[in-house]
């Protein structure tokens, strides 16, 4: 069986794990944190990684993903094991259980918003970032049959 925890990721396990709907194919859902609204004319500083870890392990635990990934440094924090649902996608009442649909339903929250500024440089899209550590996340997701 593949690793339940991304090798090398910081572990911040939340206790409210729940199973996924294993009759569906594995999948990965990618998000950005979108903590601020920067513009090309007025970029905004990136929110610190540790601030978001505190949020997801505290008052924001009801919206915690599996992974929080910083594409600028490669730093990654994991809150749920791969075989649990996480909570960064909203499940509509009576609708599809989007947080659970899949043998695994890995949710990756990328520390990013359009026109964030890091070390004096502005980034319009995630594609523009160095994407450090992405290869490790993709390899882990593929080990579960997703990506």
C-alpha atoms as a PDB file:
ATOM      1  CA  UNK A   1       0.000   0.000   0.000  1.00  0.00           C
ATOM      2  CA  UNK A   2       1.283   3.520  -0.780  1.00  0.00           C
ATOM      3  CA  UNK A   3       2.273   5.851   2.060  1.00  0.00           C
ATOM      4  CA  UNK A   4      -0.620   7.452   3.940  1.00  0.00           C
ATOM      5  CA  UNK A   5       1.608  10.483   4.573  1.00  0.00           C
ATOM      6  CA  UNK A   6       3.622  12.323   1.941  1.00  0.00           C
ATOM      7  CA  UNK A   7       7.277  11.464   2.646  1.00  0.00           C
ATOM      8  CA  UNK A   8       9.069  14.552   3.939  1.00  0.00           C
ATOM      9  CA  UNK A   9       5.934  16.577   4.673  1.00  0.00           C
ATOM     10  CA  UNK A  10       5.429  18.151   8.071  1.00  0.00           C
ATOM     11  CA  UNK A  11       2.707  16.214   9.883  1.00  0.00           C
ATOM     12  CA  UNK A  12      -0.081  18.101  11.610  1.00  0.00           C
ATOM     13  CA  UNK A  13      -2.667  15.318  11.985  1.00  0.00           C
ATOM     14  CA  UNK A  14      -6.238  16.356  12.659  1.00  0.00           C
ATOM     15  CA  UNK A  15      -8.276  13.845  14.644  1.00  0.00           C
ATOM     16  CA  UNK A  16     -11.540  13.956  12.688  1.00  0.00           C
ATOM     17  CA  UNK A  17     -10.621  11.529   9.915  1.00  0.00           C
ATOM     18  CA  UNK A  18     -13.370   9.899   7.863  1.00  0.00           C
ATOM     19  CA  UNK A  19     -13.320   7.314   5.057  1.00  0.00           C
ATOM     20  CA  UNK A  20     -13.608   8.083   1.377  1.00  0.00           C
ATOM     21  CA  UNK A  21     -16.091   6.566  -1.106  1.00  0.00           C
ATOM     22  CA  UNK A  22     -13.771   3.853  -2.398  1.00  0.00           C
ATOM     23  CA  UNK A  23     -16.003   2.719  -5.256  1.00  0.00           C
ATOM     24  CA  UNK A  24     -14.847   5.762  -7.269  1.00  0.00           C
ATOM     25  CA  UNK A  25     -11.523   6.310  -9.014  1.00  0.00           C
ATOM     26  CA  UNK A  26      -8.757   8.112  -7.107  1.00  0.00           C
ATOM     27  CA  UNK A  27      -8.379  11.810  -7.765  1.00  0.00           C
ATOM     28  CA  UNK A  28      -6.488  14.938  -6.787  1.00  0.00           C
ATOM     29  CA  UNK A  29      -8.119  18.337  -6.344  1.00  0.00           C
ATOM     30  CA  UNK A  30      -5.841  21.387  -6.567  1.00  0.00           C
ATOM     31  CA  UNK A  31      -6.679  24.763  -4.979  1.00  0.00           C
ATOM     32  CA  UNK A  32      -4.944  28.032  -4.255  1.00  0.00           C
ATOM     33  CA  UNK A  33      -5.237  29.698  -0.855  1.00  0.00           C
ATOM     34  CA  UNK A  34      -6.234  33.088  -2.358  1.00  0.00           C
ATOM     35  CA  UNK A  35      -5.645  34.920   0.922  1.00  0.00           C
ATOM     36  CA  UNK A  36      -5.337  38.385  -0.618  1.00  0.00           C
ATOM     37  CA  UNK A  37      -6.317  40.203  -3.790  1.00  0.00           C
ATOM     38  CA  UNK A  38      -3.193  41.393  -5.531  1.00  0.00           C
ATOM     39  CA  UNK A  39      -3.150  43.034  -8.944  1.00  0.00           C
ATOM     40  CA  UNK A  40      -0.486  43.521 -11.596  1.00  0.00           C
ATOM     41  CA  UNK A  41      -0.316  47.189 -10.590  1.00  0.00           C
ATOM     42  CA  UNK A  42      -0.355  46.432  -6.868  1.00  0.00           C
ATOM     43  CA  UNK A  43       0.989  42.971  -5.934  1.00  0.00           C
ATOM     44  CA  UNK A  44       0.590  41.820  -2.326  1.00  0.00           C
ATOM     45  CA  UNK A  45       3.021  39.958  -0.075  1.00  0.00           C
ATOM     46  CA  UNK A  46       2.462  36.210   0.187  1.00  0.00           C
ATOM     47  CA  UNK A  47       0.859  35.076   3.441  1.00  0.00           C
ATOM     48  CA  UNK A  48       3.372  33.197   5.648  1.00  0.00           C
ATOM     49  CA  UNK A  49       3.165  29.387   5.480  1.00  0.00           C
ATOM     50  CA  UNK A  50       3.170  29.051   9.282  1.00  0.00           C
ATOM     51  CA  UNK A  51       0.164  31.371   9.542  1.00  0.00           C
ATOM     52  CA  UNK A  52      -1.855  29.017   7.338  1.00  0.00           C
ATOM     53  CA  UNK A  53      -0.662  25.934   9.236  1.00  0.00           C
ATOM     54  CA  UNK A  54      -1.942  27.587  12.432  1.00  0.00           C
ATOM     55  CA  UNK A  55      -5.231  28.368  10.693  1.00  0.00           C
ATOM     56  CA  UNK A  56      -5.771  24.801   9.423  1.00  0.00           C
ATOM     57  CA  UNK A  57      -4.868  23.294  12.803  1.00  0.00           C
ATOM     58  CA  UNK A  58      -7.000  25.823  14.692  1.00  0.00           C
ATOM     59  CA  UNK A  59     -10.142  27.718  13.783  1.00  0.00           C
ATOM     60  CA  UNK A  60      -9.891  26.766  10.102  1.00  0.00           C
ATOM     61  CA  UNK A  61      -9.715  23.011  10.673  1.00  0.00           C
ATOM     62  CA  UNK A  62     -13.183  22.714   9.133  1.00  0.00           C
ATOM     63  CA  UNK A  63     -11.622  23.694   5.796  1.00  0.00           C
ATOM     64  CA  UNK A  64      -8.327  21.804   6.057  1.00  0.00           C
ATOM     65  CA  UNK A  65      -6.925  20.069   2.963  1.00  0.00           C
ATOM     66  CA  UNK A  66      -4.693  17.016   2.921  1.00  0.00           C
ATOM     67  CA  UNK A  67      -1.686  19.129   1.962  1.00  0.00           C
ATOM     68  CA  UNK A  68      -0.647  22.747   2.199  1.00  0.00           C
ATOM     69  CA  UNK A  69       2.137  23.277  -0.359  1.00  0.00           C
ATOM     70  CA  UNK A  70       4.424  26.271  -0.792  1.00  0.00           C
ATOM     71  CA  UNK A  71       5.597  26.256  -4.438  1.00  0.00           C
ATOM     72  CA  UNK A  72       8.303  28.812  -3.651  1.00  0.00           C
ATOM     73  CA  UNK A  73      10.143  26.751  -1.018  1.00  0.00           C
ATOM     74  CA  UNK A  74       8.743  23.226  -1.478  1.00  0.00           C
ATOM     75  CA  UNK A  75       7.603  23.182   2.134  1.00  0.00           C
ATOM     76  CA  UNK A  76       4.572  20.940   2.615  1.00  0.00           C
ATOM     77  CA  UNK A  77       2.326  20.285   5.608  1.00  0.00           C
ATOM     78  CA  UNK A  78      -0.129  17.384   5.782  1.00  0.00           C
ATOM     79  CA  UNK A  79      -3.280  17.399   7.932  1.00  0.00           C
ATOM     80  CA  UNK A  80      -5.055  14.141   6.963  1.00  0.00           C
ATOM     81  CA  UNK A  81      -3.785  10.734   5.848  1.00  0.00           C
ATOM     82  CA  UNK A  82      -4.456   9.865   2.209  1.00  0.00           C
ATOM     83  CA  UNK A  83      -7.199   7.367   3.065  1.00  0.00           C
ATOM     84  CA  UNK A  84      -9.300  10.006   4.856  1.00  0.00           C
ATOM     85  CA  UNK A  85     -11.388  12.742   3.355  1.00  0.00           C
ATOM     86  CA  UNK A  86     -10.213  16.268   3.999  1.00  0.00           C
ATOM     87  CA  UNK A  87     -12.412  19.350   4.086  1.00  0.00           C
ATOM     88  CA  UNK A  88     -11.220  21.990   1.639  1.00  0.00           C
ATOM     89  CA  UNK A  89     -14.036  21.347  -0.839  1.00  0.00           C
ATOM     90  CA  UNK A  90     -17.575  22.226   0.209  1.00  0.00           C
ATOM     91  CA  UNK A  91     -20.030  19.324   0.216  1.00  0.00           C
ATOM     92  CA  UNK A  92     -23.475  20.587  -0.766  1.00  0.00           C
ATOM     93  CA  UNK A  93     -26.268  19.206   1.412  1.00  0.00           C
ATOM     94  CA  UNK A  94     -27.859  16.267  -0.362  1.00  0.00           C
ATOM     95  CA  UNK A  95     -25.375  16.555  -3.237  1.00  0.00           C
ATOM     96  CA  UNK A  96     -22.155  14.855  -4.249  1.00  0.00           C
ATOM     97  CA  UNK A  97     -19.835  14.234  -1.337  1.00  0.00           C
ATOM     98  CA  UNK A  98     -16.971  16.031  -3.079  1.00  0.00           C
ATOM     99  CA  UNK A  99     -14.585  15.637  -0.135  1.00  0.00           C
ATOM    100  CA  UNK A 100     -14.986  11.852  -0.197  1.00  0.00           C
ATOM    101  CA  UNK A 101     -15.493  10.868  -3.832  1.00  0.00           C
ATOM    102  CA  UNK A 102     -12.596   8.596  -4.791  1.00  0.00           C
ATOM    103  CA  UNK A 103     -10.562   5.691  -3.456  1.00  0.00           C
ATOM    104  CA  UNK A 104      -8.471   8.629  -2.353  1.00  0.00           C
ATOM    105  CA  UNK A 105      -9.532  12.240  -2.858  1.00  0.00           C
ATOM    106  CA  UNK A 106      -6.316  14.127  -2.223  1.00  0.00           C
ATOM    107  CA  UNK A 107      -6.791  17.860  -1.798  1.00  0.00           C
ATOM    108  CA  UNK A 108      -3.734  20.055  -2.272  1.00  0.00           C
ATOM    109  CA  UNK A 109      -3.942  23.685  -1.170  1.00  0.00           C
ATOM    110  CA  UNK A 110      -1.235  25.700  -2.927  1.00  0.00           C
ATOM    111  CA  UNK A 111       0.045  28.724  -1.014  1.00  0.00           C
ATOM    112  CA  UNK A 112      -0.675  31.249  -3.739  1.00  0.00           C
ATOM    113  CA  UNK A 113      -2.899  34.049  -4.988  1.00  0.00           C
ATOM    114  CA  UNK A 114      -2.617  35.952  -8.281  1.00  0.00           C
ATOM    115  CA  UNK A 115      -0.025  38.702  -8.130  1.00  0.00           C
ATOM    116  CA  UNK A 116       1.499  37.581  -4.884  1.00  0.00           C
ATOM    117  CA  UNK A 117       4.938  39.008  -4.208  1.00  0.00           C
ATOM    118  CA  UNK A 118       7.750  36.796  -2.963  1.00  0.00           C
ATOM    119  CA  UNK A 119      11.256  38.172  -2.443  1.00  0.00           C
ATOM    120  CA  UNK A 120      10.349  41.280  -4.413  1.00  0.00           C
ATOM    121  CA  UNK A 121       9.014  39.420  -7.464  1.00  0.00           C
ATOM    122  CA  UNK A 122       5.333  39.222  -8.450  1.00  0.00           C
ATOM    123  CA  UNK A 123       3.746  36.006  -9.752  1.00  0.00           C
ATOM    124  CA  UNK A 124       0.552  36.086 -11.820  1.00  0.00           C
ATOM    125  CA  UNK A 125      -0.086  32.312 -11.912  1.00  0.00           C
ATOM    126  CA  UNK A 126       1.069  29.178 -10.114  1.00  0.00           C
ATOM    127  CA  UNK A 127       2.708  28.165 -13.393  1.00  0.00           C
ATOM    128  CA  UNK A 128       5.055  31.150 -12.966  1.00  0.00           C
ATOM    129  CA  UNK A 129       6.346  29.918  -9.585  1.00  0.00           C
ATOM    130  CA  UNK A 130       9.399  27.668  -9.135  1.00  0.00           C
ATOM    131  CA  UNK A 131       6.972  24.816  -8.214  1.00  0.00           C
ATOM    132  CA  UNK A 132       9.513  23.392  -5.775  1.00  0.00           C
ATOM    133  CA  UNK A 133       8.466  19.997  -4.428  1.00  0.00           C
ATOM    134  CA  UNK A 134       5.759  19.450  -7.038  1.00  0.00           C
ATOM    135  CA  UNK A 135       7.523  16.336  -8.320  1.00  0.00           C
ATOM    136  CA  UNK A 136       7.282  14.702  -4.865  1.00  0.00           C
ATOM    137  CA  UNK A 137       3.579  15.518  -4.543  1.00  0.00           C
ATOM    138  CA  UNK A 138       2.838  14.163  -8.021  1.00  0.00           C
ATOM    139  CA  UNK A 139       4.803  10.970  -7.380  1.00  0.00           C
ATOM    140  CA  UNK A 140       2.892  10.421  -4.125  1.00  0.00           C
ATOM    141  CA  UNK A 141      -0.472  11.103  -5.805  1.00  0.00           C
ATOM    142  CA  UNK A 142       0.407   8.733  -8.652  1.00  0.00           C
ATOM    143  CA  UNK A 143       1.287   6.025  -6.125  1.00  0.00           C
ATOM    144  CA  UNK A 144      -2.382   6.171  -5.135  1.00  0.00           C
ATOM    145  CA  UNK A 145      -3.545   6.160  -8.742  1.00  0.00           C
ATOM    146  CA  UNK A 146      -4.321   9.873  -8.915  1.00  0.00           C
ATOM    147  CA  UNK A 147      -2.647  12.983 -10.362  1.00  0.00           C
END
